[in-house]
N, C-alpha and C. Protein backbone atom coordinates (compact mmCIF):
# COMPACT_ATOMS: atom_id res chain seq x y z
N GLN A 1 -8.88 -11.03 14.63
CA GLN A 1 -7.52 -10.50 14.47
C GLN A 1 -7.06 -10.71 13.04
N VAL A 2 -6.39 -9.71 12.50
CA VAL A 2 -5.88 -9.77 11.13
C VAL A 2 -4.39 -9.50 11.17
N GLN A 3 -3.63 -10.36 10.53
CA GLN A 3 -2.19 -10.14 10.40
C GLN A 3 -1.87 -9.81 8.95
N LEU A 4 -1.01 -8.83 8.78
CA LEU A 4 -0.68 -8.33 7.45
C LEU A 4 0.82 -8.43 7.22
N VAL A 5 1.22 -8.96 6.07
CA VAL A 5 2.64 -9.10 5.75
C VAL A 5 2.89 -8.52 4.36
N GLU A 6 3.68 -7.46 4.32
CA GLU A 6 4.01 -6.80 3.05
C GLU A 6 5.23 -7.45 2.40
N SER A 7 5.30 -7.34 1.09
CA SER A 7 6.47 -7.78 0.33
C SER A 7 6.53 -6.99 -0.97
N GLY A 8 7.69 -7.07 -1.62
CA GLY A 8 7.83 -6.45 -2.92
C GLY A 8 8.60 -5.15 -2.95
N GLY A 9 9.00 -4.65 -1.79
CA GLY A 9 9.78 -3.42 -1.78
C GLY A 9 11.19 -3.67 -2.28
N GLY A 10 11.94 -2.58 -2.44
CA GLY A 10 13.31 -2.72 -2.91
C GLY A 10 13.86 -1.41 -3.42
N LEU A 11 14.98 -1.52 -4.12
CA LEU A 11 15.66 -0.36 -4.71
C LEU A 11 15.38 -0.33 -6.20
N VAL A 12 14.95 0.82 -6.69
CA VAL A 12 14.62 0.97 -8.10
C VAL A 12 15.06 2.35 -8.56
N GLN A 13 15.40 2.46 -9.83
CA GLN A 13 15.78 3.77 -10.38
C GLN A 13 14.53 4.59 -10.67
N ALA A 14 14.71 5.88 -10.67
CA ALA A 14 13.61 6.78 -11.01
C ALA A 14 13.04 6.40 -12.38
N GLY A 15 11.72 6.39 -12.47
CA GLY A 15 11.04 5.98 -13.68
C GLY A 15 10.68 4.52 -13.72
N GLY A 16 11.20 3.78 -12.77
CA GLY A 16 10.94 2.34 -12.72
C GLY A 16 9.63 2.01 -12.04
N SER A 17 9.40 0.72 -11.86
CA SER A 17 8.15 0.22 -11.29
C SER A 17 8.42 -0.82 -10.21
N LEU A 18 7.48 -0.89 -9.29
CA LEU A 18 7.48 -1.94 -8.27
C LEU A 18 6.04 -2.36 -8.03
N ARG A 19 5.87 -3.62 -7.65
CA ARG A 19 4.55 -4.11 -7.26
C ARG A 19 4.65 -4.61 -5.82
N LEU A 20 3.95 -3.92 -4.94
CA LEU A 20 3.91 -4.32 -3.55
C LEU A 20 2.72 -5.25 -3.34
N SER A 21 2.91 -6.22 -2.45
CA SER A 21 1.84 -7.15 -2.08
C SER A 21 1.67 -7.14 -0.57
N CYS A 22 0.47 -7.44 -0.14
CA CYS A 22 0.17 -7.54 1.29
C CYS A 22 -0.72 -8.75 1.48
N ALA A 23 -0.17 -9.76 2.13
CA ALA A 23 -0.92 -10.98 2.41
C ALA A 23 -1.58 -10.86 3.78
N ALA A 24 -2.87 -11.13 3.82
CA ALA A 24 -3.64 -10.99 5.06
C ALA A 24 -4.12 -12.35 5.56
N SER A 25 -4.05 -12.53 6.85
CA SER A 25 -4.60 -13.74 7.46
C SER A 25 -6.04 -13.45 7.88
N GLY A 26 -6.78 -14.50 8.20
CA GLY A 26 -8.14 -14.32 8.68
C GLY A 26 -9.18 -14.46 7.60
N SER A 27 -10.40 -14.64 8.03
CA SER A 27 -11.49 -14.91 7.10
C SER A 27 -12.36 -13.70 6.80
N ILE A 28 -11.98 -12.55 7.33
CA ILE A 28 -12.83 -11.38 7.16
C ILE A 28 -12.26 -10.39 6.16
N PHE A 29 -11.22 -10.80 5.43
CA PHE A 29 -10.52 -9.89 4.51
C PHE A 29 -11.49 -9.16 3.60
N SER A 30 -12.42 -9.90 3.01
CA SER A 30 -13.31 -9.30 2.01
C SER A 30 -14.24 -8.25 2.61
N ARG A 31 -14.41 -8.26 3.92
CA ARG A 31 -15.31 -7.29 4.56
C ARG A 31 -14.57 -6.01 4.99
N LEU A 32 -13.26 -6.01 4.89
CA LEU A 32 -12.47 -4.89 5.36
C LEU A 32 -12.08 -3.93 4.25
N ALA A 33 -12.01 -2.67 4.59
CA ALA A 33 -11.33 -1.71 3.72
C ALA A 33 -9.83 -1.94 3.90
N MET A 34 -9.09 -1.69 2.83
CA MET A 34 -7.64 -1.89 2.86
C MET A 34 -6.96 -0.64 2.33
N GLY A 35 -5.70 -0.49 2.72
CA GLY A 35 -5.00 0.69 2.24
C GLY A 35 -3.50 0.55 2.30
N TRP A 36 -2.85 1.42 1.56
CA TRP A 36 -1.40 1.57 1.61
C TRP A 36 -1.09 2.96 2.14
N TYR A 37 -0.15 3.01 3.06
CA TYR A 37 0.33 4.25 3.63
C TYR A 37 1.86 4.24 3.53
N ARG A 38 2.47 5.40 3.66
CA ARG A 38 3.92 5.44 3.63
C ARG A 38 4.45 6.49 4.58
N GLN A 39 5.69 6.26 5.01
CA GLN A 39 6.34 7.21 5.90
C GLN A 39 7.78 7.38 5.45
N ALA A 40 8.10 8.59 5.05
CA ALA A 40 9.46 8.93 4.65
C ALA A 40 10.24 9.40 5.87
N PRO A 41 11.56 9.33 5.82
CA PRO A 41 12.37 9.76 6.98
C PRO A 41 12.06 11.20 7.37
N GLY A 42 11.80 11.40 8.63
CA GLY A 42 11.54 12.74 9.13
C GLY A 42 10.16 13.29 8.82
N LYS A 43 9.30 12.46 8.25
CA LYS A 43 7.96 12.92 7.89
C LYS A 43 6.89 12.06 8.56
N GLN A 44 5.69 12.58 8.61
CA GLN A 44 4.58 11.82 9.15
C GLN A 44 4.10 10.79 8.14
N ARG A 45 3.48 9.75 8.67
CA ARG A 45 2.90 8.75 7.79
C ARG A 45 1.74 9.37 7.01
N GLU A 46 1.66 9.03 5.74
CA GLU A 46 0.62 9.61 4.89
C GLU A 46 -0.08 8.52 4.09
N LEU A 47 -1.32 8.82 3.73
CA LEU A 47 -2.10 7.90 2.92
C LEU A 47 -1.57 7.88 1.49
N VAL A 48 -1.49 6.69 0.93
CA VAL A 48 -1.13 6.54 -0.48
C VAL A 48 -2.39 6.21 -1.28
N ALA A 49 -3.10 5.16 -0.86
CA ALA A 49 -4.31 4.74 -1.56
C ALA A 49 -5.12 3.82 -0.67
N THR A 50 -6.43 3.84 -0.87
CA THR A 50 -7.30 2.91 -0.16
C THR A 50 -8.27 2.26 -1.15
N VAL A 51 -8.76 1.10 -0.75
CA VAL A 51 -9.80 0.42 -1.52
C VAL A 51 -10.83 -0.11 -0.53
N ALA A 52 -12.07 0.29 -0.72
CA ALA A 52 -13.14 -0.15 0.17
C ALA A 52 -13.51 -1.60 -0.12
N ASN A 53 -14.29 -2.21 0.77
CA ASN A 53 -14.66 -3.60 0.55
C ASN A 53 -15.52 -3.76 -0.70
N GLY A 54 -16.15 -2.68 -1.13
CA GLY A 54 -16.92 -2.74 -2.35
C GLY A 54 -16.13 -2.43 -3.60
N GLY A 55 -14.86 -2.03 -3.42
CA GLY A 55 -13.98 -1.80 -4.56
C GLY A 55 -13.69 -0.34 -4.88
N THR A 56 -14.36 0.58 -4.21
CA THR A 56 -14.10 2.00 -4.46
C THR A 56 -12.69 2.36 -4.02
N THR A 57 -11.99 3.05 -4.89
CA THR A 57 -10.60 3.41 -4.60
C THR A 57 -10.45 4.90 -4.38
N ASN A 58 -9.37 5.25 -3.67
CA ASN A 58 -9.04 6.64 -3.39
C ASN A 58 -7.53 6.76 -3.38
N TYR A 59 -7.01 7.84 -3.97
CA TYR A 59 -5.56 8.01 -4.08
C TYR A 59 -5.14 9.38 -3.58
N ALA A 60 -3.94 9.44 -3.05
CA ALA A 60 -3.32 10.72 -2.76
C ALA A 60 -3.03 11.41 -4.09
N ASP A 61 -3.13 12.73 -4.10
CA ASP A 61 -2.89 13.47 -5.34
C ASP A 61 -1.49 13.19 -5.89
N SER A 62 -0.55 12.97 -5.00
CA SER A 62 0.85 12.80 -5.43
C SER A 62 1.08 11.51 -6.21
N VAL A 63 0.16 10.55 -6.12
CA VAL A 63 0.37 9.27 -6.81
C VAL A 63 -0.68 8.99 -7.88
N LYS A 64 -1.67 9.85 -8.00
CA LYS A 64 -2.72 9.63 -9.00
C LYS A 64 -2.12 9.52 -10.39
N GLY A 65 -2.59 8.51 -11.12
CA GLY A 65 -2.10 8.29 -12.47
C GLY A 65 -0.83 7.48 -12.55
N ARG A 66 -0.18 7.25 -11.40
CA ARG A 66 1.06 6.47 -11.38
C ARG A 66 0.91 5.17 -10.59
N PHE A 67 0.10 5.19 -9.54
CA PHE A 67 -0.08 4.03 -8.68
C PHE A 67 -1.49 3.47 -8.86
N THR A 68 -1.60 2.15 -8.70
CA THR A 68 -2.90 1.49 -8.77
C THR A 68 -3.02 0.51 -7.61
N ILE A 69 -4.06 0.68 -6.81
CA ILE A 69 -4.34 -0.25 -5.72
C ILE A 69 -5.38 -1.25 -6.19
N SER A 70 -5.20 -2.49 -5.78
CA SER A 70 -6.18 -3.52 -6.13
C SER A 70 -6.17 -4.60 -5.04
N ARG A 71 -7.22 -5.40 -5.04
CA ARG A 71 -7.32 -6.47 -4.06
C ARG A 71 -7.85 -7.72 -4.72
N ASP A 72 -7.39 -8.85 -4.23
CA ASP A 72 -7.88 -10.14 -4.68
C ASP A 72 -8.43 -10.85 -3.46
N ASN A 73 -9.74 -10.80 -3.29
CA ASN A 73 -10.35 -11.37 -2.09
C ASN A 73 -10.20 -12.89 -2.03
N SER A 74 -10.06 -13.53 -3.19
CA SER A 74 -9.91 -14.99 -3.20
C SER A 74 -8.54 -15.41 -2.66
N LYS A 75 -7.59 -14.47 -2.70
CA LYS A 75 -6.24 -14.76 -2.21
C LYS A 75 -5.90 -13.99 -0.93
N ASN A 76 -6.87 -13.25 -0.41
CA ASN A 76 -6.61 -12.42 0.78
C ASN A 76 -5.38 -11.55 0.59
N THR A 77 -5.28 -10.92 -0.57
CA THR A 77 -4.07 -10.16 -0.90
C THR A 77 -4.43 -8.79 -1.46
N LEU A 78 -3.66 -7.82 -1.01
CA LEU A 78 -3.77 -6.44 -1.48
C LEU A 78 -2.52 -6.11 -2.29
N TYR A 79 -2.69 -5.32 -3.34
CA TYR A 79 -1.56 -4.97 -4.19
C TYR A 79 -1.46 -3.45 -4.36
N LEU A 80 -0.24 -3.02 -4.68
CA LEU A 80 -0.02 -1.63 -5.09
C LEU A 80 0.97 -1.66 -6.25
N GLN A 81 0.46 -1.38 -7.43
CA GLN A 81 1.33 -1.27 -8.61
C GLN A 81 1.81 0.18 -8.70
N SER A 82 3.12 0.34 -8.62
CA SER A 82 3.71 1.67 -8.58
C SER A 82 4.57 1.87 -9.82
N ASN A 83 4.16 2.79 -10.68
CA ASN A 83 4.87 3.08 -11.92
C ASN A 83 5.42 4.50 -11.89
N SER A 84 6.35 4.76 -12.80
CA SER A 84 6.96 6.09 -12.92
C SER A 84 7.42 6.60 -11.56
N LEU A 85 8.12 5.77 -10.85
CA LEU A 85 8.54 6.11 -9.49
C LEU A 85 9.50 7.28 -9.48
N LYS A 86 9.38 8.09 -8.44
CA LYS A 86 10.20 9.28 -8.26
C LYS A 86 10.99 9.15 -6.95
N PRO A 87 12.10 9.85 -6.83
CA PRO A 87 12.86 9.80 -5.57
C PRO A 87 12.00 10.17 -4.36
N GLU A 88 11.04 11.06 -4.54
CA GLU A 88 10.18 11.45 -3.42
C GLU A 88 9.19 10.37 -3.02
N ASP A 89 9.13 9.28 -3.76
CA ASP A 89 8.31 8.13 -3.35
C ASP A 89 9.06 7.24 -2.36
N THR A 90 10.32 7.54 -2.12
CA THR A 90 11.10 6.75 -1.17
C THR A 90 10.49 6.83 0.23
N ALA A 91 10.20 5.67 0.80
CA ALA A 91 9.55 5.61 2.11
C ALA A 91 9.40 4.15 2.52
N VAL A 92 8.99 3.96 3.76
CA VAL A 92 8.51 2.65 4.19
C VAL A 92 7.02 2.62 3.89
N TYR A 93 6.60 1.60 3.17
CA TYR A 93 5.20 1.45 2.79
C TYR A 93 4.53 0.42 3.71
N TYR A 94 3.37 0.83 4.24
CA TYR A 94 2.64 -0.01 5.17
C TYR A 94 1.28 -0.41 4.58
N CYS A 95 0.93 -1.64 4.80
CA CYS A 95 -0.39 -2.14 4.47
C CYS A 95 -1.28 -1.99 5.71
N ALA A 96 -2.54 -1.63 5.51
CA ALA A 96 -3.45 -1.45 6.63
C ALA A 96 -4.83 -2.02 6.28
N ALA A 97 -5.55 -2.41 7.33
CA ALA A 97 -6.89 -2.97 7.13
C ALA A 97 -7.82 -2.46 8.21
N GLY A 98 -9.08 -2.32 7.87
CA GLY A 98 -10.06 -1.88 8.86
C GLY A 98 -11.17 -1.11 8.21
N GLN A 99 -11.34 0.14 8.66
CA GLN A 99 -12.34 1.02 8.08
C GLN A 99 -11.65 2.22 7.48
N ILE A 100 -12.23 2.77 6.43
CA ILE A 100 -11.67 3.98 5.84
C ILE A 100 -11.59 5.06 6.92
N GLY A 101 -10.41 5.60 7.11
CA GLY A 101 -10.20 6.64 8.11
C GLY A 101 -9.92 6.10 9.50
N ASN A 102 -10.01 4.81 9.68
CA ASN A 102 -9.77 4.21 10.99
C ASN A 102 -9.27 2.79 10.81
N MET A 103 -8.07 2.68 10.25
CA MET A 103 -7.48 1.37 10.01
C MET A 103 -6.97 0.81 11.33
N GLY A 104 -7.45 -0.37 11.70
CA GLY A 104 -7.10 -0.94 12.99
C GLY A 104 -5.97 -1.93 12.96
N PHE A 105 -5.61 -2.40 11.76
CA PHE A 105 -4.57 -3.41 11.63
C PHE A 105 -3.49 -2.90 10.67
N TRP A 106 -2.24 -3.14 11.07
CA TRP A 106 -1.11 -2.63 10.29
C TRP A 106 -0.05 -3.71 10.12
N GLY A 107 0.60 -3.68 8.94
CA GLY A 107 1.73 -4.54 8.72
C GLY A 107 3.01 -3.91 9.25
N GLN A 108 4.11 -4.62 9.07
CA GLN A 108 5.40 -4.15 9.57
C GLN A 108 6.08 -3.18 8.61
N GLY A 109 5.64 -3.15 7.38
CA GLY A 109 6.21 -2.22 6.42
C GLY A 109 7.25 -2.84 5.51
N THR A 110 7.40 -2.26 4.33
CA THR A 110 8.42 -2.68 3.38
C THR A 110 9.06 -1.42 2.79
N GLN A 111 10.39 -1.44 2.70
CA GLN A 111 11.13 -0.25 2.26
C GLN A 111 11.12 -0.15 0.74
N VAL A 112 10.80 1.03 0.27
CA VAL A 112 10.91 1.37 -1.16
C VAL A 112 11.90 2.52 -1.27
N THR A 113 12.94 2.31 -2.06
CA THR A 113 13.95 3.34 -2.27
C THR A 113 14.08 3.60 -3.76
N VAL A 114 13.89 4.86 -4.15
CA VAL A 114 13.97 5.25 -5.55
C VAL A 114 15.19 6.14 -5.73
N SER A 115 16.11 5.69 -6.54
CA SER A 115 17.33 6.46 -6.77
C SER A 115 17.18 7.36 -7.98
N SER A 116 17.84 8.50 -7.91
CA SER A 116 17.74 9.48 -9.01
C SER A 116 18.80 9.23 -10.07
């Protein structure tokens, strides 16, 4: 079982930055693929970025060049550095763990609000 706890969300002006963190419990963190997803009001949850256990990353086109996903296996922590934020980035951001395309573990989410 893996428990995930996100932090770092908040209110930021357009053009600003936020760093989201996801602390994971359990000893299998390094073997899992990890990812960030988001869900805006009235929209379906969508992929933001993933990082495989080997370090390969993948990004949604909408965040390429602005967001960076990374993981620190020694700290069981996943990060999302979000720069040049736009109002359309406003959403609840979720941390997930498991396999690419089949994440079995989810956090509770952290709200990111970008004002124009």
